[in-house]
Amino acid sequence: MTQAVETHRELDEPWLVLGERRFRSRLLVGIEQYDDPGLVQRILAASGSDVFITTMDPDNHRSSLLLTDMAAELPEDEYHWIGTTSFARSAASALKTARMLRDLYDIGVLKLDVRSAGNRPDNKATIGVAETLRAEGMEILPFILPDVADARALESLGCAALRVMAAPVGSGWGIPQPRRIREVIESVSLPVIVEGGLGTSRHVVTAMEMGAAGVLVNTALVRAGRPLMLAEAMKYAVRSGLLTYRSGPMGGDPL
């Protein structure tokens, strides 16, 4: 077996295993801002993502594309179908959304968001909701501001992975405080996904070079002039950054 084949095989190994679910794509794509199932299918194909994320908003009657919307576009056996509470602005709303997704659609893996009115993660509320949902048997991927103590608290609850905000959602600022993100990555044994403000493939490469298990992008693709092209660019950026991290690059990184 050649070294190139071994490298590709290593990169394609699952970064997260939950029962029979094996998550291989390290690029996750948020779809809350789309209303065209066909476009979502093309975005996911271009990005290489193997995850479809669905949600609802019981408070304001907004809705992301649901499983029923996508049934004709996405074969269920080709994607991991997970839920999110990204519209939640309170702990109660997040719990209600999570339980509705579980009870109506049998979704047991949750991208948990509890955000403040300013659209930033509320770490304290997130930890409380995560504790409740873990007790109910759900697998949780919580979204937090980078804080080592909070990351460790969520790890102790048995969360499946952590999602850490690099910059305000939708800002396109990239990773203005890389040391804080790196400290979280190095403080826990869980996979850490970086998201929030990742606007270009350069931002994605930076996150992966720091040791992130994956990245999540959303607004960058929605606002791009050619979203399918950017989705493909970010797919390659993930692999480039991961290859660099795994290679054991020389020192001198000022981040």
C-alpha atoms as a PDB file:
ATOM      1  CA  MET A   1       0.000   0.000   0.000  1.00  0.00           C
ATOM      2  CA  THR A   2       1.439   3.382  -0.972  1.00  0.00           C
ATOM      3  CA  GLN A   3       1.860   6.214   1.507  1.00  0.00           C
ATOM      4  CA  ALA A   4      -0.688   8.296  -0.425  1.00  0.00           C
ATOM      5  CA  VAL A   5      -3.319   5.573  -0.104  1.00  0.00           C
ATOM      6  CA  GLU A   6      -2.593   5.204   3.600  1.00  0.00           C
ATOM      7  CA  THR A   7      -2.918   8.966   4.070  1.00  0.00           C
ATOM      8  CA  HIS A   8      -6.282   9.155   2.325  1.00  0.00           C
ATOM      9  CA  ARG A   9      -7.558   6.176   4.314  1.00  0.00           C
ATOM     10  CA  GLU A  10      -6.478   7.847   7.567  1.00  0.00           C
ATOM     11  CA  LEU A  11      -8.216  11.101   6.660  1.00  0.00           C
ATOM     12  CA  ASP A  12     -11.430   9.281   5.810  1.00  0.00           C
ATOM     13  CA  GLU A  13     -11.662   7.467   9.134  1.00  0.00           C
ATOM     14  CA  PRO A  14     -14.680   8.532  11.240  1.00  0.00           C
ATOM     15  CA  TRP A  15     -14.017  11.447  13.568  1.00  0.00           C
ATOM     16  CA  LEU A  16     -17.112  10.611  15.625  1.00  0.00           C
ATOM     17  CA  VAL A  17     -18.875   7.294  16.219  1.00  0.00           C
ATOM     18  CA  LEU A  18     -22.280   7.220  17.924  1.00  0.00           C
ATOM     19  CA  GLY A  19     -23.642   3.694  17.958  1.00  0.00           C
ATOM     20  CA  GLU A  20     -24.040   2.700  14.326  1.00  0.00           C
ATOM     21  CA  ARG A  21     -23.505   6.272  13.099  1.00  0.00           C
ATOM     22  CA  ARG A  22     -20.021   6.989  11.745  1.00  0.00           C
ATOM     23  CA  PHE A  23     -19.399  10.627  10.936  1.00  0.00           C
ATOM     24  CA  ARG A  24     -16.675  10.943   8.309  1.00  0.00           C
ATOM     25  CA  SER A  25     -17.100  14.388   6.786  1.00  0.00           C
ATOM     26  CA  ARG A  26     -15.312  17.000   8.891  1.00  0.00           C
ATOM     27  CA  LEU A  27     -17.178  19.788   7.133  1.00  0.00           C
ATOM     28  CA  LEU A  28     -20.686  20.342   8.487  1.00  0.00           C
ATOM     29  CA  VAL A  29     -23.069  22.669   6.681  1.00  0.00           C
ATOM     30  CA  GLY A  30     -25.830  24.599   8.413  1.00  0.00           C
ATOM     31  CA  ILE A  31     -28.982  24.880   6.304  1.00  0.00           C
ATOM     32  CA  GLU A  32     -31.267  27.005   8.490  1.00  0.00           C
ATOM     33  CA  GLN A  33     -31.172  29.854   5.977  1.00  0.00           C
ATOM     34  CA  TYR A  34     -32.264  27.832   2.934  1.00  0.00           C
ATOM     35  CA  ASP A  35     -35.774  27.223   1.635  1.00  0.00           C
ATOM     36  CA  ASP A  36     -34.928  25.273  -1.544  1.00  0.00           C
ATOM     37  CA  PRO A  37     -34.448  21.516  -1.009  1.00  0.00           C
ATOM     38  CA  GLY A  38     -32.745  21.155  -4.381  1.00  0.00           C
ATOM     39  CA  LEU A  39     -30.145  23.785  -3.530  1.00  0.00           C
ATOM     40  CA  VAL A  40     -29.467  22.125  -0.178  1.00  0.00           C
ATOM     41  CA  GLN A  41     -28.850  18.832  -1.957  1.00  0.00           C
ATOM     42  CA  ARG A  42     -26.355  20.497  -4.301  1.00  0.00           C
ATOM     43  CA  ILE A  43     -24.622  22.327  -1.458  1.00  0.00           C
ATOM     44  CA  LEU A  44     -24.220  19.126   0.543  1.00  0.00           C
ATOM     45  CA  ALA A  45     -22.919  17.260  -2.511  1.00  0.00           C
ATOM     46  CA  ALA A  46     -20.365  19.988  -3.308  1.00  0.00           C
ATOM     47  CA  SER A  47     -19.188  20.139   0.305  1.00  0.00           C
ATOM     48  CA  GLY A  48     -18.980  16.376   0.704  1.00  0.00           C
ATOM     49  CA  SER A  49     -20.897  16.634   3.971  1.00  0.00           C
ATOM     50  CA  ASP A  50     -22.591  13.472   5.207  1.00  0.00           C
ATOM     51  CA  VAL A  51     -24.840  15.279   7.717  1.00  0.00           C
ATOM     52  CA  PHE A  52     -28.285  16.797   7.232  1.00  0.00           C
ATOM     53  CA  ILE A  53     -29.274  19.195  10.022  1.00  0.00           C
ATOM     54  CA  THR A  54     -32.929  19.969  10.655  1.00  0.00           C
ATOM     55  CA  THR A  55     -34.755  22.143  13.174  1.00  0.00           C
ATOM     56  CA  MET A  56     -37.933  24.002  14.019  1.00  0.00           C
ATOM     57  CA  ASP A  57     -38.801  27.052  16.071  1.00  0.00           C
ATOM     58  CA  PRO A  58     -41.789  26.493  18.353  1.00  0.00           C
ATOM     59  CA  ASP A  59     -41.598  30.078  19.625  1.00  0.00           C
ATOM     60  CA  ASN A  60     -41.648  32.147  16.438  1.00  0.00           C
ATOM     61  CA  HIS A  61     -43.010  29.632  13.932  1.00  0.00           C
ATOM     62  CA  ARG A  62     -39.913  29.700  11.748  1.00  0.00           C
ATOM     63  CA  SER A  63     -38.720  26.437  10.305  1.00  0.00           C
ATOM     64  CA  SER A  64     -35.667  25.040   8.658  1.00  0.00           C
ATOM     65  CA  LEU A  65     -36.090  22.427   5.960  1.00  0.00           C
ATOM     66  CA  LEU A  66     -37.506  19.368   7.651  1.00  0.00           C
ATOM     67  CA  LEU A  67     -37.156  15.710   6.832  1.00  0.00           C
ATOM     68  CA  THR A  68     -40.397  15.781   4.897  1.00  0.00           C
ATOM     69  CA  ASP A  69     -39.080  18.629   2.718  1.00  0.00           C
ATOM     70  CA  MET A  70     -35.967  16.696   1.829  1.00  0.00           C
ATOM     71  CA  ALA A  71     -37.366  13.192   1.389  1.00  0.00           C
ATOM     72  CA  ALA A  72     -37.313  13.384  -2.400  1.00  0.00           C
ATOM     73  CA  GLU A  73     -33.882  15.028  -2.550  1.00  0.00           C
ATOM     74  CA  LEU A  74     -31.707  13.220  -0.019  1.00  0.00           C
ATOM     75  CA  PRO A  75     -31.656   9.427   0.421  1.00  0.00           C
ATOM     76  CA  GLU A  76     -31.941   8.944   4.167  1.00  0.00           C
ATOM     77  CA  ASP A  77     -29.336   6.170   4.232  1.00  0.00           C
ATOM     78  CA  GLU A  78     -26.650   8.456   2.753  1.00  0.00           C
ATOM     79  CA  TYR A  79     -26.786  11.094   5.486  1.00  0.00           C
ATOM     80  CA  HIS A  80     -26.755  11.314   9.241  1.00  0.00           C
ATOM     81  CA  TRP A  81     -29.931  13.184  10.168  1.00  0.00           C
ATOM     82  CA  ILE A  82     -29.395  15.317  13.256  1.00  0.00           C
ATOM     83  CA  GLY A  83     -31.353  18.104  14.905  1.00  0.00           C
ATOM     84  CA  THR A  84     -30.446  21.573  16.070  1.00  0.00           C
ATOM     85  CA  THR A  85     -31.913  24.178  18.411  1.00  0.00           C
ATOM     86  CA  SER A  86     -30.231  27.090  16.631  1.00  0.00           C
ATOM     87  CA  PHE A  87     -33.348  29.269  16.827  1.00  0.00           C
ATOM     88  CA  ALA A  88     -33.584  28.879  20.617  1.00  0.00           C
ATOM     89  CA  ARG A  89     -33.104  32.006  22.719  1.00  0.00           C
ATOM     90  CA  SER A  90     -33.788  30.375  26.060  1.00  0.00           C
ATOM     91  CA  ALA A  91     -33.180  27.107  27.851  1.00  0.00           C
ATOM     92  CA  ALA A  92     -36.899  26.323  27.804  1.00  0.00           C
ATOM     93  CA  SER A  93     -37.089  26.866  24.043  1.00  0.00           C
ATOM     94  CA  ALA A  94     -34.061  24.653  23.450  1.00  0.00           C
ATOM     95  CA  LEU A  95     -35.541  21.846  25.545  1.00  0.00           C
ATOM     96  CA  LYS A  96     -38.903  22.129  23.776  1.00  0.00           C
ATOM     97  CA  THR A  97     -37.282  22.036  20.338  1.00  0.00           C
ATOM     98  CA  ALA A  98     -35.065  19.081  21.210  1.00  0.00           C
ATOM     99  CA  ARG A  99     -37.958  17.050  22.548  1.00  0.00           C
ATOM    100  CA  MET A 100     -40.153  17.847  19.534  1.00  0.00           C
ATOM    101  CA  LEU A 101     -37.406  16.732  17.145  1.00  0.00           C
ATOM    102  CA  ARG A 102     -36.979  13.538  19.138  1.00  0.00           C
ATOM    103  CA  ASP A 103     -40.664  12.745  19.500  1.00  0.00           C
ATOM    104  CA  LEU A 104     -41.812  13.735  15.991  1.00  0.00           C
ATOM    105  CA  TYR A 105     -38.827  12.633  13.928  1.00  0.00           C
ATOM    106  CA  ASP A 106     -36.958  10.160  16.130  1.00  0.00           C
ATOM    107  CA  ILE A 107     -33.851  12.376  16.115  1.00  0.00           C
ATOM    108  CA  GLY A 108     -31.513  11.454  18.955  1.00  0.00           C
ATOM    109  CA  VAL A 109     -28.403  13.455  18.012  1.00  0.00           C
ATOM    110  CA  LEU A 110     -28.649  17.180  18.669  1.00  0.00           C
ATOM    111  CA  LYS A 111     -26.563  20.183  17.688  1.00  0.00           C
ATOM    112  CA  LEU A 112     -27.434  22.071  20.863  1.00  0.00           C
ATOM    113  CA  ASP A 113     -27.577  25.866  20.691  1.00  0.00           C
ATOM    114  CA  VAL A 114     -28.850  28.094  23.483  1.00  0.00           C
ATOM    115  CA  ARG A 115     -28.103  31.637  22.370  1.00  0.00           C
ATOM    116  CA  SER A 116     -28.592  35.035  23.959  1.00  0.00           C
ATOM    117  CA  ALA A 117     -30.546  37.839  22.345  1.00  0.00           C
ATOM    118  CA  GLY A 118     -27.239  38.901  20.749  1.00  0.00           C
ATOM    119  CA  ASN A 119     -26.977  35.518  18.996  1.00  0.00           C
ATOM    120  CA  ARG A 120     -24.030  34.393  21.120  1.00  0.00           C
ATOM    121  CA  PRO A 121     -23.877  31.084  22.996  1.00  0.00           C
ATOM    122  CA  ASP A 122     -25.096  31.208  26.566  1.00  0.00           C
ATOM    123  CA  ASN A 123     -22.619  28.812  28.166  1.00  0.00           C
ATOM    124  CA  LYS A 124     -24.347  28.495  31.524  1.00  0.00           C
ATOM    125  CA  ALA A 125     -27.758  27.782  30.020  1.00  0.00           C
ATOM    126  CA  THR A 126     -26.221  25.399  27.509  1.00  0.00           C
ATOM    127  CA  ILE A 127     -24.635  23.321  30.251  1.00  0.00           C
ATOM    128  CA  GLY A 128     -27.958  23.093  32.088  1.00  0.00           C
ATOM    129  CA  VAL A 129     -29.874  21.988  28.993  1.00  0.00           C
ATOM    130  CA  ALA A 130     -27.133  19.525  28.057  1.00  0.00           C
ATOM    131  CA  GLU A 131     -27.350  17.918  31.499  1.00  0.00           C
ATOM    132  CA  THR A 132     -31.110  17.461  31.138  1.00  0.00           C
ATOM    133  CA  LEU A 133     -30.974  16.064  27.612  1.00  0.00           C
ATOM    134  CA  ARG A 134     -28.094  13.731  28.426  1.00  0.00           C
ATOM    135  CA  ALA A 135     -30.198  12.358  31.286  1.00  0.00           C
ATOM    136  CA  GLU A 136     -32.931  11.720  28.704  1.00  0.00           C
ATOM    137  CA  GLY A 137     -30.496   9.765  26.522  1.00  0.00           C
ATOM    138  CA  MET A 138     -29.803  12.244  23.735  1.00  0.00           C
ATOM    139  CA  GLU A 139     -26.378  12.634  22.126  1.00  0.00           C
ATOM    140  CA  ILE A 140     -25.339  16.278  22.362  1.00  0.00           C
ATOM    141  CA  LEU A 141     -23.011  18.541  20.373  1.00  0.00           C
ATOM    142  CA  PRO A 142     -23.242  21.820  22.339  1.00  0.00           C
ATOM    143  CA  PHE A 143     -22.215  25.273  21.067  1.00  0.00           C
ATOM    144  CA  ILE A 144     -20.233  27.459  23.506  1.00  0.00           C
ATOM    145  CA  LEU A 145     -17.990  30.467  23.738  1.00  0.00           C
ATOM    146  CA  PRO A 146     -14.394  29.240  24.150  1.00  0.00           C
ATOM    147  CA  ASP A 147     -13.974  28.583  27.862  1.00  0.00           C
ATOM    148  CA  VAL A 148     -11.879  25.721  29.222  1.00  0.00           C
ATOM    149  CA  ALA A 149     -13.884  25.204  32.430  1.00  0.00           C
ATOM    150  CA  ASP A 150     -17.183  25.073  30.559  1.00  0.00           C
ATOM    151  CA  ALA A 151     -15.726  22.739  27.950  1.00  0.00           C
ATOM    152  CA  ARG A 152     -14.612  20.351  30.678  1.00  0.00           C
ATOM    153  CA  ALA A 153     -18.012  20.554  32.360  1.00  0.00           C
ATOM    154  CA  LEU A 154     -19.713  19.492  29.132  1.00  0.00           C
ATOM    155  CA  GLU A 155     -17.187  16.716  28.640  1.00  0.00           C
ATOM    156  CA  SER A 156     -17.985  15.417  32.125  1.00  0.00           C
ATOM    157  CA  LEU A 157     -21.674  15.222  31.136  1.00  0.00           C
ATOM    158  CA  GLY A 158     -20.790  12.821  28.339  1.00  0.00           C
ATOM    159  CA  CYS A 159     -21.380  15.126  25.381  1.00  0.00           C
ATOM    160  CA  ALA A 160     -20.406  13.599  22.047  1.00  0.00           C
ATOM    161  CA  ALA A 161     -18.441  16.611  20.792  1.00  0.00           C
ATOM    162  CA  LEU A 162     -18.045  20.324  21.431  1.00  0.00           C
ATOM    163  CA  ARG A 163     -18.679  23.235  19.085  1.00  0.00           C
ATOM    164  CA  VAL A 164     -16.759  26.406  19.857  1.00  0.00           C
ATOM    165  CA  MET A 165     -17.486  29.872  18.495  1.00  0.00           C
ATOM    166  CA  ALA A 166     -14.548  31.482  16.714  1.00  0.00           C
ATOM    167  CA  ALA A 167     -16.276  34.813  15.941  1.00  0.00           C
ATOM    168  CA  PRO A 168     -19.829  36.169  15.910  1.00  0.00           C
ATOM    169  CA  VAL A 169     -22.133  34.082  13.752  1.00  0.00           C
ATOM    170  CA  GLY A 170     -22.367  35.499  10.241  1.00  0.00           C
ATOM    171  CA  SER A 171     -19.532  37.993  10.745  1.00  0.00           C
ATOM    172  CA  GLY A 172     -16.952  36.444   8.422  1.00  0.00           C
ATOM    173  CA  TRP A 173     -14.195  37.557  10.829  1.00  0.00           C
ATOM    174  CA  GLY A 174     -12.441  34.201  10.887  1.00  0.00           C
ATOM    175  CA  ILE A 175     -10.594  33.302  14.093  1.00  0.00           C
ATOM    176  CA  PRO A 176      -9.529  36.540  15.818  1.00  0.00           C
ATOM    177  CA  GLN A 177      -8.546  34.801  19.097  1.00  0.00           C
ATOM    178  CA  PRO A 178      -6.927  31.514  18.066  1.00  0.00           C
ATOM    179  CA  ARG A 179      -5.236  30.927  21.413  1.00  0.00           C
ATOM    180  CA  ARG A 180      -8.594  30.616  23.193  1.00  0.00           C
ATOM    181  CA  ILE A 181      -9.811  28.080  20.645  1.00  0.00           C
ATOM    182  CA  ARG A 182      -6.588  26.117  20.859  1.00  0.00           C
ATOM    183  CA  GLU A 183      -6.752  26.029  24.663  1.00  0.00           C
ATOM    184  CA  VAL A 184     -10.185  24.403  24.493  1.00  0.00           C
ATOM    185  CA  ILE A 185      -9.041  21.872  21.881  1.00  0.00           C
ATOM    186  CA  GLU A 186      -6.076  20.912  24.043  1.00  0.00           C
ATOM    187  CA  SER A 187      -8.053  20.766  27.312  1.00  0.00           C
ATOM    188  CA  VAL A 188     -10.583  18.060  26.387  1.00  0.00           C
ATOM    189  CA  SER A 189     -10.469  14.646  24.783  1.00  0.00           C
ATOM    190  CA  LEU A 190     -13.717  15.255  22.876  1.00  0.00           C
ATOM    191  CA  PRO A 191     -13.760  16.219  19.195  1.00  0.00           C
ATOM    192  CA  VAL A 192     -13.963  20.016  18.901  1.00  0.00           C
ATOM    193  CA  ILE A 193     -15.759  21.652  15.969  1.00  0.00           C
ATOM    194  CA  VAL A 194     -14.977  25.288  15.212  1.00  0.00           C
ATOM    195  CA  GLU A 195     -17.755  27.488  13.848  1.00  0.00           C
ATOM    196  CA  GLY A 196     -19.018  31.043  13.768  1.00  0.00           C
ATOM    197  CA  GLY A 197     -17.480  33.657  11.504  1.00  0.00           C
ATOM    198  CA  LEU A 198     -15.707  31.236   9.160  1.00  0.00           C
ATOM    199  CA  GLY A 199     -16.086  33.104   5.898  1.00  0.00           C
ATOM    200  CA  THR A 200     -13.326  31.763   3.650  1.00  0.00           C
ATOM    201  CA  SER A 201     -11.369  28.593   3.019  1.00  0.00           C
ATOM    202  CA  ARG A 202      -8.376  30.255   4.733  1.00  0.00           C
ATOM    203  CA  HIS A 203     -10.354  30.409   7.988  1.00  0.00           C
ATOM    204  CA  VAL A 204     -11.207  26.731   7.652  1.00  0.00           C
ATOM    205  CA  VAL A 205      -7.581  25.752   7.057  1.00  0.00           C
ATOM    206  CA  THR A 206      -6.553  27.707  10.157  1.00  0.00           C
ATOM    207  CA  ALA A 207      -9.113  25.912  12.340  1.00  0.00           C
ATOM    208  CA  MET A 208      -8.028  22.486  11.142  1.00  0.00           C
ATOM    209  CA  GLU A 209      -4.319  23.293  11.517  1.00  0.00           C
ATOM    210  CA  MET A 210      -5.013  24.041  15.205  1.00  0.00           C
ATOM    211  CA  GLY A 211      -6.291  20.508  15.720  1.00  0.00           C
ATOM    212  CA  ALA A 212     -10.031  20.954  15.320  1.00  0.00           C
ATOM    213  CA  ALA A 213     -11.921  17.763  14.519  1.00  0.00           C
ATOM    214  CA  GLY A 214     -14.075  19.655  12.044  1.00  0.00           C
ATOM    215  CA  VAL A 215     -15.720  22.944  11.136  1.00  0.00           C
ATOM    216  CA  LEU A 216     -19.273  24.109  10.555  1.00  0.00           C
ATOM    217  CA  VAL A 217     -20.097  26.757   7.963  1.00  0.00           C
ATOM    218  CA  ASN A 218     -23.392  28.357   7.095  1.00  0.00           C
ATOM    219  CA  THR A 219     -23.694  32.060   6.256  1.00  0.00           C
ATOM    220  CA  ALA A 220     -20.486  32.072   4.193  1.00  0.00           C
ATOM    221  CA  LEU A 221     -22.113  29.769   1.654  1.00  0.00           C
ATOM    222  CA  VAL A 222     -25.477  31.550   1.713  1.00  0.00           C
ATOM    223  CA  ARG A 223     -23.886  34.913   0.936  1.00  0.00           C
ATOM    224  CA  ALA A 224     -21.317  33.722  -1.590  1.00  0.00           C
ATOM    225  CA  GLY A 225     -21.800  34.744  -5.197  1.00  0.00           C
ATOM    226  CA  ARG A 226     -21.215  31.104  -6.178  1.00  0.00           C
ATOM    227  CA  PRO A 227     -22.066  29.024  -3.099  1.00  0.00           C
ATOM    228  CA  LEU A 228     -21.417  25.649  -4.718  1.00  0.00           C
ATOM    229  CA  MET A 229     -17.906  26.713  -5.642  1.00  0.00           C
ATOM    230  CA  LEU A 230     -17.197  27.930  -2.102  1.00  0.00           C
ATOM    231  CA  ALA A 231     -18.637  24.718  -0.640  1.00  0.00           C
ATOM    232  CA  GLU A 232     -16.162  22.717  -2.695  1.00  0.00           C
ATOM    233  CA  ALA A 233     -13.304  25.054  -1.743  1.00  0.00           C
ATOM    234  CA  MET A 234     -14.076  24.537   1.935  1.00  0.00           C
ATOM    235  CA  LYS A 235     -14.161  20.766   1.454  1.00  0.00           C
ATOM    236  CA  TYR A 236     -10.587  20.885   0.194  1.00  0.00           C
ATOM    237  CA  ALA A 237      -9.606  23.387   2.891  1.00  0.00           C
ATOM    238  CA  VAL A 238     -10.640  20.927   5.590  1.00  0.00           C
ATOM    239  CA  ARG A 239      -8.427  18.221   4.112  1.00  0.00           C
ATOM    240  CA  SER A 240      -5.525  20.627   3.583  1.00  0.00           C
ATOM    241  CA  GLY A 241      -5.642  21.858   7.176  1.00  0.00           C
ATOM    242  CA  LEU A 242      -5.993  18.345   8.561  1.00  0.00           C
ATOM    243  CA  LEU A 243      -3.084  17.079   6.465  1.00  0.00           C
ATOM    244  CA  THR A 244      -0.940  19.947   7.742  1.00  0.00           C
ATOM    245  CA  TYR A 245      -1.883  19.255  11.373  1.00  0.00           C
ATOM    246  CA  ARG A 246      -1.266  15.516  11.026  1.00  0.00           C
ATOM    247  CA  SER A 247       2.075  16.085   9.287  1.00  0.00           C
ATOM    248  CA  GLY A 248       3.663  17.596  12.426  1.00  0.00           C
ATOM    249  CA  PRO A 249       4.678  20.888  10.833  1.00  0.00           C
ATOM    250  CA  MET A 250       7.737  22.864  11.898  1.00  0.00           C
ATOM    251  CA  GLY A 251       7.365  25.356  14.740  1.00  0.00           C
ATOM    252  CA  GLY A 252       7.183  29.109  14.549  1.00  0.00           C
ATOM    253  CA  ASP A 253       3.394  29.451  14.390  1.00  0.00           C
ATOM    254  CA  PRO A 254       2.625  32.833  16.007  1.00  0.00           C
ATOM    255  CA  LEU A 255      -0.993  31.910  16.793  1.00  0.00           C
END
